[in-house]
Protein backbone atom coordinates (compact mmCIF):
# COMPACT_ATOMS: atom_id res chain seq x y z
CA MET A 1 -40.21 -59.10 -23.82
CA SER A 2 -37.43 -58.34 -26.13
CA GLU A 3 -33.84 -57.46 -25.24
CA VAL A 4 -34.68 -53.77 -26.71
CA SER A 5 -37.98 -53.38 -25.01
CA LEU A 6 -36.49 -54.45 -21.56
CA LEU A 7 -33.36 -51.59 -22.06
CA TRP A 8 -36.32 -49.32 -23.34
CA ALA A 9 -38.41 -50.07 -20.23
CA ILE A 10 -35.38 -49.70 -18.16
CA ARG A 11 -34.28 -45.81 -19.52
CA GLN A 12 -37.54 -44.78 -19.80
CA PRO A 13 -37.93 -43.32 -16.59
CA TYR A 14 -34.41 -41.42 -16.41
CA ILE A 15 -35.25 -40.29 -20.07
CA ARG A 16 -38.41 -38.94 -18.55
CA ARG A 17 -36.61 -37.52 -15.18
CA ARG A 18 -34.22 -35.69 -17.61
CA THR A 19 -36.46 -34.19 -19.51
CA GLN A 20 -38.04 -32.58 -16.15
CA ILE A 21 -34.96 -31.37 -15.06
CA GLN A 22 -34.03 -29.51 -18.72
CA ALA A 23 -37.67 -28.18 -18.72
CA HIS A 24 -37.12 -26.99 -15.05
CA ASN A 25 -33.47 -25.66 -15.79
CA SER A 26 -35.08 -23.97 -19.10
CA THR A 27 -37.98 -22.11 -16.48
CA THR A 28 -35.42 -21.00 -14.08
CA ASP A 29 -33.44 -19.72 -16.89
CA ASN A 30 -35.85 -17.71 -18.62
CA ARG A 31 -37.26 -16.40 -14.74
CA ARG A 32 -33.57 -14.97 -14.04
CA ALA A 33 -33.67 -13.29 -17.35
CA ARG A 34 -36.35 -11.58 -17.24
CA SER A 35 -35.56 -10.63 -13.35
CA GLU A 36 -32.35 -9.33 -14.70
CA ALA A 37 -33.62 -7.46 -17.40
CA THR A 38 -36.17 -5.57 -15.12
CA GLN A 39 -33.36 -4.97 -12.59
CA LYS A 40 -31.79 -3.73 -15.68
CA ALA A 41 -34.80 -1.40 -16.80
CA LEU A 42 -35.48 -0.11 -13.38
CA MET A 43 -32.00 0.94 -12.54
CA GLN A 44 -30.87 2.83 -16.25
CA ALA A 45 -34.49 4.30 -15.58
CA ALA A 46 -33.46 5.93 -12.29
CA GLU A 47 -30.18 7.11 -13.48
CA GLN A 48 -31.47 9.17 -16.58
CA LEU A 49 -34.77 10.61 -14.04
CA ILE A 50 -32.18 11.36 -11.47
CA ALA A 51 -29.60 12.79 -13.93
CA GLU A 52 -32.55 14.96 -15.68
CA ARG A 53 -34.20 16.03 -11.94
CA GLY A 54 -32.21 15.33 -8.94
CA ILE A 55 -32.76 12.62 -6.91
CA GLU A 56 -34.64 14.76 -4.71
CA ASN A 57 -37.60 15.00 -7.63
CA VAL A 58 -38.09 11.35 -8.61
CA SER A 59 -40.26 9.08 -6.91
CA ILE A 60 -41.06 4.95 -7.06
CA ARG A 61 -43.53 5.60 -9.30
CA ASP A 62 -42.10 7.80 -11.51
CA ILE A 63 -38.96 5.26 -11.68
CA VAL A 64 -41.12 2.53 -12.36
CA GLY A 65 -43.18 4.21 -15.13
CA ALA A 66 -40.17 5.22 -17.32
CA ALA A 67 -38.90 1.55 -16.72
CA ASN A 68 -42.41 0.24 -18.10
CA GLN A 69 -43.47 -1.73 -15.41
CA LYS A 70 -47.05 -1.49 -14.56
CA ASN A 71 -47.22 -2.68 -10.54
CA GLU A 72 -45.17 -0.32 -8.14
CA SER A 73 -44.04 -2.81 -5.97
CA VAL A 74 -41.86 -4.35 -8.33
CA LEU A 75 -39.04 -2.09 -7.65
CA GLN A 76 -39.46 -3.38 -3.89
CA TYR A 77 -39.16 -6.39 -4.91
CA HIS A 78 -35.68 -6.00 -6.56
CA PHE A 79 -34.26 -3.69 -4.36
CA LYS A 80 -36.52 -3.11 -1.11
CA ASN A 81 -36.59 0.59 -2.02
CA LEU A 82 -35.16 3.43 -3.38
CA THR A 83 -32.02 3.53 -1.63
CA GLY A 84 -31.59 -0.23 -2.32
CA LEU A 85 -32.08 1.10 -5.78
CA ILE A 86 -29.28 3.27 -6.11
CA GLU A 87 -26.84 1.25 -3.74
CA ALA A 88 -27.34 -1.35 -6.66
CA ILE A 89 -26.49 1.35 -9.18
CA LEU A 90 -23.37 2.45 -7.43
CA LEU A 91 -22.06 -1.06 -7.14
CA THR A 92 -22.88 -1.89 -10.81
CA ARG A 93 -21.16 1.36 -12.34
CA SER A 94 -18.30 0.60 -9.47
CA LYS A 95 -17.36 -2.70 -10.64
CA GLN A 96 -17.25 -0.69 -14.56
CA THR A 97 -14.76 1.58 -13.37
CA HIS A 98 -12.55 -1.18 -11.28
CA ALA A 99 -12.34 -2.72 -14.61
CA LYS A 100 -11.63 0.00 -16.73
CA ARG A 101 -8.82 1.04 -14.60
CA ALA A 102 -7.79 -2.22 -14.01
CA GLU A 103 -7.18 -2.33 -17.97
CA LEU A 104 -4.91 0.20 -17.67
CA ILE A 105 -2.73 -0.23 -14.97
CA GLU A 106 -2.30 -3.22 -16.86
CA ALA A 107 -0.79 -1.22 -19.65
CA LEU A 108 1.51 0.95 -17.86
CA PRO A 109 5.06 0.85 -18.78
CA ASN A 110 6.56 0.52 -15.41
CA GLU A 111 5.89 -0.82 -12.55
CA GLN A 112 6.03 2.51 -10.61
CA PRO A 113 4.85 4.90 -13.34
CA SER A 114 5.50 8.84 -13.05
CA ILE A 115 2.84 10.72 -11.02
CA GLN A 116 1.39 11.90 -14.07
CA GLU A 117 0.83 7.99 -15.42
CA ILE A 118 -0.81 8.01 -11.67
CA CYS A 119 -3.13 10.71 -11.62
CA MET A 120 -4.24 9.80 -15.23
CA LEU A 121 -5.61 6.42 -13.26
CA MET A 122 -7.65 8.57 -11.21
CA VAL A 123 -9.53 10.61 -14.14
CA GLN A 124 -9.64 8.19 -17.61
CA PRO A 125 -11.18 4.93 -16.59
CA SER A 126 -14.72 6.93 -15.68
CA PHE A 127 -14.01 9.74 -18.69
CA GLN A 128 -13.51 6.96 -20.83
CA LEU A 129 -16.80 4.56 -19.62
CA ALA A 130 -18.73 7.91 -19.99
CA CYS A 131 -17.35 8.79 -23.87
CA GLU A 132 -18.00 4.90 -24.37
CA ASN A 133 -21.73 4.73 -23.09
CA ALA A 134 -24.29 7.06 -22.53
CA GLY A 135 -26.13 5.04 -19.50
CA TYR A 136 -22.51 5.67 -17.51
CA ARG A 137 -22.97 9.33 -18.93
CA CYS A 138 -26.15 9.50 -17.17
CA TYR A 139 -24.55 8.36 -13.19
CA VAL A 140 -21.86 11.08 -13.73
CA LYS A 141 -24.67 13.64 -14.36
CA ALA A 142 -26.93 11.81 -11.59
CA PHE A 143 -24.39 11.35 -8.67
CA GLY A 144 -20.89 13.02 -9.44
CA HIS A 145 -21.42 15.74 -7.06
CA GLU A 146 -22.67 13.58 -4.39
CA LEU A 147 -18.95 14.23 -2.62
CA VAL A 148 -19.67 17.66 -2.02
CA LEU A 149 -23.30 17.38 -0.30
CA THR A 150 -22.48 15.31 2.44
CA ASP A 151 -19.54 16.03 5.76
CA ALA A 152 -17.58 12.98 5.51
CA SER A 153 -14.33 12.39 3.59
CA PRO A 154 -14.44 12.71 0.11
CA THR A 155 -12.48 9.39 0.18
CA GLU A 156 -13.99 7.42 2.68
CA LEU A 157 -17.64 8.40 1.02
CA ALA A 158 -16.22 7.09 -2.44
CA VAL A 159 -15.38 4.04 -0.46
CA SER A 160 -18.35 3.34 0.84
CA GLN A 161 -20.04 3.79 -2.30
CA GLY A 162 -17.91 1.27 -3.96
CA GLY A 163 -15.22 3.64 -4.94
CA GLY A 164 -12.06 2.56 -5.08
CA GLY A 165 -12.02 -1.81 -5.26
CA GLN A 166 -8.49 -3.51 -5.76
CA SER A 167 -7.82 -1.48 -9.01
CA GLY A 168 -7.92 1.99 -6.59
CA LYS A 169 -6.14 0.10 -4.13
CA GLN A 170 -2.96 -0.42 -6.43
CA VAL A 171 -3.47 3.51 -7.17
CA GLY A 172 -3.26 4.36 -3.42
CA VAL A 173 0.20 2.47 -3.24
CA MET A 174 1.70 4.06 -6.48
CA LEU A 175 0.78 7.33 -5.39
CA LYS A 176 2.35 7.07 -1.81
CA LYS A 177 5.59 5.48 -3.43
CA ALA A 178 5.71 8.74 -5.30
CA LEU A 179 5.00 11.13 -2.76
CA PRO A 180 7.68 10.15 0.07
CA HIS A 181 8.06 13.84 1.33
CA LEU A 182 3.89 14.10 2.36
CA THR A 183 2.94 12.80 5.71
CA SER A 184 -0.30 11.24 6.42
CA GLU A 185 -2.14 14.24 7.04
CA ILE A 186 -1.08 16.13 3.97
CA TYR A 187 -1.57 13.26 1.80
CA GLN A 188 -5.07 12.36 2.96
CA ARG A 189 -6.05 16.12 2.70
CA ARG A 190 -4.69 16.16 -0.97
CA LEU A 191 -6.23 12.95 -1.71
CA ASP A 192 -9.73 14.08 -0.76
CA ALA A 193 -9.04 17.51 -2.56
CA ALA A 194 -8.60 15.19 -5.85
CA VAL A 195 -11.33 12.92 -5.65
CA THR A 196 -13.87 15.55 -5.08
CA LEU A 197 -12.14 17.61 -8.17
CA CYS A 198 -12.09 14.61 -10.04
CA SER A 199 -15.72 13.71 -9.22
CA THR A 200 -17.45 17.46 -9.63
CA SER A 201 -15.61 18.07 -12.70
CA MET A 202 -16.79 15.18 -14.43
CA TYR A 203 -20.32 16.04 -13.49
CA HIS A 204 -20.14 19.75 -14.55
CA GLN A 205 -18.68 18.19 -17.69
CA ALA A 206 -20.89 15.69 -18.40
CA ARG A 207 -23.47 18.40 -18.28
CA GLN A 208 -21.77 20.00 -21.25
CA LYS A 209 -22.98 19.59 -24.98
CA ASN A 210 -20.87 17.17 -26.72
CA ALA A 211 -19.38 16.65 -23.32
CA PHE A 212 -17.33 13.59 -24.09
CA SER A 213 -16.46 13.46 -28.09
CA GLY A 214 -14.00 16.07 -30.00
CA ASP A 215 -11.07 18.26 -29.23
CA GLN A 216 -12.83 19.85 -26.22
CA ALA A 217 -13.53 16.47 -24.41
CA GLU A 218 -9.61 15.54 -24.99
CA LEU A 219 -8.83 19.25 -24.07
CA PHE A 220 -11.14 18.50 -20.49
CA LEU A 221 -9.48 15.24 -19.83
CA HIS A 222 -5.77 16.61 -20.02
CA SER A 223 -6.53 19.47 -17.82
CA LEU A 224 -8.37 17.79 -15.17
CA ILE A 225 -5.17 15.08 -15.32
CA ASP A 226 -2.59 18.29 -15.10
CA ALA A 227 -4.65 19.62 -11.83
CA VAL A 228 -4.88 16.45 -10.39
CA VAL A 229 -1.39 16.39 -10.64
CA GLY A 230 -0.54 20.05 -9.58
CA ILE A 231 -3.19 18.95 -6.25
CA PHE A 232 -0.22 16.31 -5.29
CA SER A 233 2.69 17.76 -6.88
CA ALA A 234 2.60 21.54 -4.91
CA ALA A 235 5.29 22.31 -2.35
CA VAL A 236 3.95 21.95 1.28
CA SER A 237 4.20 25.84 2.47
CA PRO A 238 6.24 25.99 6.23
CA GLN A 239 2.38 27.34 7.69
CA THR A 240 0.80 24.22 6.14
CA GLN A 241 3.50 21.83 7.29
CA ALA A 242 3.24 23.44 10.67
CA LEU A 243 -0.28 23.29 11.29
CA ALA A 244 0.00 19.79 9.97
CA ASP A 245 2.37 19.00 12.92
CA LYS A 246 -0.12 20.76 15.77
CA LEU A 247 -2.63 18.87 14.81
CA LYS A 248 -0.74 15.54 15.26
CA GLN A 249 0.36 16.70 18.33
CA SER A 250 -3.42 17.42 19.48
């Protein structure tokens, strides 16, 4: 056997094994891509249907059909149930919101911004994403009013649904530094009011014609920021302070 033939004979098992690994990796990548595409289709279909009909009027069968899937079990396979699908939607959109807010924080000229700039960080991320992304607009229409349909604290509910994140924590730190005159009780109540106002206002705006384009949209954005500033900046009346102190002592 020549030296070349010997080398070929030695290398052949390794070449065959490498080819098998490459084929396996390619198959795995294709399966992953198909799985991700199916999940995305189901999430988009759910957002659109819930935005149009309300969550109580949407079934698993409706979502699977709208996503052009043939078998209802595909939703259970990827998300277990409708609750799992909704949780995945909330997590995906919250990540987008966090990323947009982080960009805006990075662009701030000062480490301790004004109250106007801080309140902008509460409103503009979702507004900007709704302007840029039709899917995000569906998400706002589908879930923007959920905060008023529960007995939980709006802030706590927003956090439990993936809201806030690291960028949200940064905004919280900025707010507390900017509002040292507010006691913790009054601060929390105003934060709940601001979160509710932002969420429900965005929900209502998303249902208007041309909601996120033109001067009317810009007017909505800046008016909402002004309103949130007003919530935090309003003087604490003696009556409010007395009631807050009473609750703290009880």
